[in-house]
Protein backbone atom coordinates (compact mmCIF):
# COMPACT_ATOMS: atom_id res chain seq x y z
CA UNK A 1 90.60 110.15 98.12
CA UNK A 2 93.03 110.14 95.11
CA UNK A 3 92.85 112.77 92.93
CA UNK A 4 93.16 111.70 89.19
CA UNK A 5 94.34 115.01 86.91
CA UNK A 6 93.81 113.90 83.49
CA UNK A 7 95.18 116.67 80.12
CA UNK A 8 95.59 116.93 76.46
CA UNK A 9 97.61 119.86 76.30
CA UNK A 10 98.81 121.40 72.17
CA UNK A 11 102.11 120.79 71.88
CA UNK A 12 102.60 122.36 68.16
CA UNK A 13 104.61 125.66 69.22
CA UNK A 14 108.03 125.28 71.19
CA UNK A 15 105.69 127.86 73.84
CA UNK A 16 103.55 125.40 74.13
CA UNK A 17 106.07 122.24 74.28
CA UNK A 18 108.04 124.50 77.68
CA UNK A 19 103.86 125.23 78.98
CA UNK A 20 103.42 120.98 79.03
CA UNK A 21 106.72 120.38 80.60
CA UNK A 22 106.11 122.56 83.27
CA UNK A 23 102.79 121.95 83.60
CA UNK A 24 104.06 118.53 84.46
CA UNK A 25 106.41 119.02 86.83
CA UNK A 26 104.83 121.48 88.19
CA UNK A 27 102.63 118.24 88.77
CA UNK A 28 105.43 115.64 89.96
CA UNK A 29 106.47 118.67 92.20
CA UNK A 30 103.56 118.62 93.95
CA UNK A 31 103.03 114.95 94.85
CA UNK A 32 101.83 113.18 91.27
CA UNK A 33 102.68 110.72 89.68
CA UNK A 34 102.70 109.09 86.48
CA UNK A 35 100.24 106.49 85.67
CA UNK A 36 99.89 107.03 82.20
CA UNK A 37 102.19 109.68 80.06
CA UNK A 38 99.12 112.35 80.79
CA UNK A 39 97.45 110.54 83.57
CA UNK A 40 98.92 110.91 86.37
CA UNK A 41 97.01 110.58 90.41
CA UNK A 42 98.20 111.00 93.53
CA UNK A 43 96.30 110.11 97.06
CA UNK A 44 94.84 113.31 98.92
CA UNK A 45 94.18 112.04 103.06
CA UNK A 46 90.96 113.92 103.34
CA UNK A 47 88.87 116.18 101.29
CA UNK A 48 90.56 119.25 103.03
CA UNK A 49 93.59 117.67 101.13
CA UNK A 50 92.53 116.99 98.27
CA UNK A 51 90.93 120.46 97.59
CA UNK A 52 94.37 122.54 98.46
CA UNK A 53 96.12 120.09 95.54
CA UNK A 54 92.90 120.95 93.14
CA UNK A 55 93.60 124.13 93.54
CA UNK A 56 97.39 124.06 93.69
CA UNK A 57 96.67 121.93 89.73
CA UNK A 58 94.20 125.11 88.87
CA UNK A 59 96.76 127.50 89.16
CA UNK A 60 100.17 125.64 87.32
CA UNK A 61 97.64 125.18 84.36
CA UNK A 62 98.96 125.83 81.11
CA UNK A 63 96.44 128.41 79.10
CA UNK A 64 95.84 126.22 75.87
CA UNK A 65 94.53 122.87 76.28
CA UNK A 66 92.23 120.75 78.57
CA UNK A 67 91.84 119.01 82.47
CA UNK A 68 89.88 117.24 83.70
CA UNK A 69 90.31 116.03 87.66
CA UNK A 70 88.92 113.44 88.81
CA UNK A 71 88.35 112.08 92.02
CA UNK A 72 88.24 108.87 93.41
CA UNK A 73 87.60 107.04 97.20
CA UNK A 74 90.14 104.32 98.46
CA UNK A 75 87.37 102.22 98.40
CA UNK A 76 86.54 103.11 94.54
CA UNK A 77 90.27 103.29 93.45
CA UNK A 78 90.86 99.98 95.02
CA UNK A 79 88.93 98.18 92.32
CA UNK A 80 90.98 99.22 88.99
CA UNK A 81 92.82 96.38 87.64
CA UNK A 82 95.15 97.24 85.93
CA UNK A 83 96.52 95.27 82.82
CA UNK A 84 99.46 95.39 81.32
CA UNK A 85 100.27 92.56 77.41
CA UNK A 86 98.28 89.62 78.92
CA UNK A 87 98.96 90.19 82.60
CA UNK A 88 96.54 91.27 85.31
CA UNK A 89 98.85 93.26 88.04
CA UNK A 90 97.05 94.43 91.73
CA UNK A 91 96.62 98.21 92.20
CA UNK A 92 99.88 100.17 94.06
CA UNK A 93 99.62 99.98 97.87
CA UNK A 94 97.49 102.99 100.10
CA UNK A 95 99.73 104.88 100.91
CA UNK A 96 99.74 105.21 105.53
CA UNK A 97 98.32 108.04 106.52
CA UNK A 98 100.37 109.05 109.69
CA UNK A 99 98.92 109.01 112.51
CA UNK A 100 99.76 111.95 115.89
CA UNK A 101 99.51 110.49 119.30
């Protein structure tokens, strides 16, 4: 599963900018990768793991602004078409799942 975090946070005051920066740092600390400036994505091995990260995101959300979370399956994520300019690029490779013997 993949967890997307989309957000639109106010940055008018110094305190709002600090809250927005702390939120982005919390996402990065939790293993999210920036896809666009206010769009972060993270791979989760299971629905239970996804629920853990949803709780962490909700806990670190700033007091103001709008945040949306979206979960998609590996198959759905694999259907993403990415364009940089006019050239098409393949989606990033799915991380390997850790196996225990």
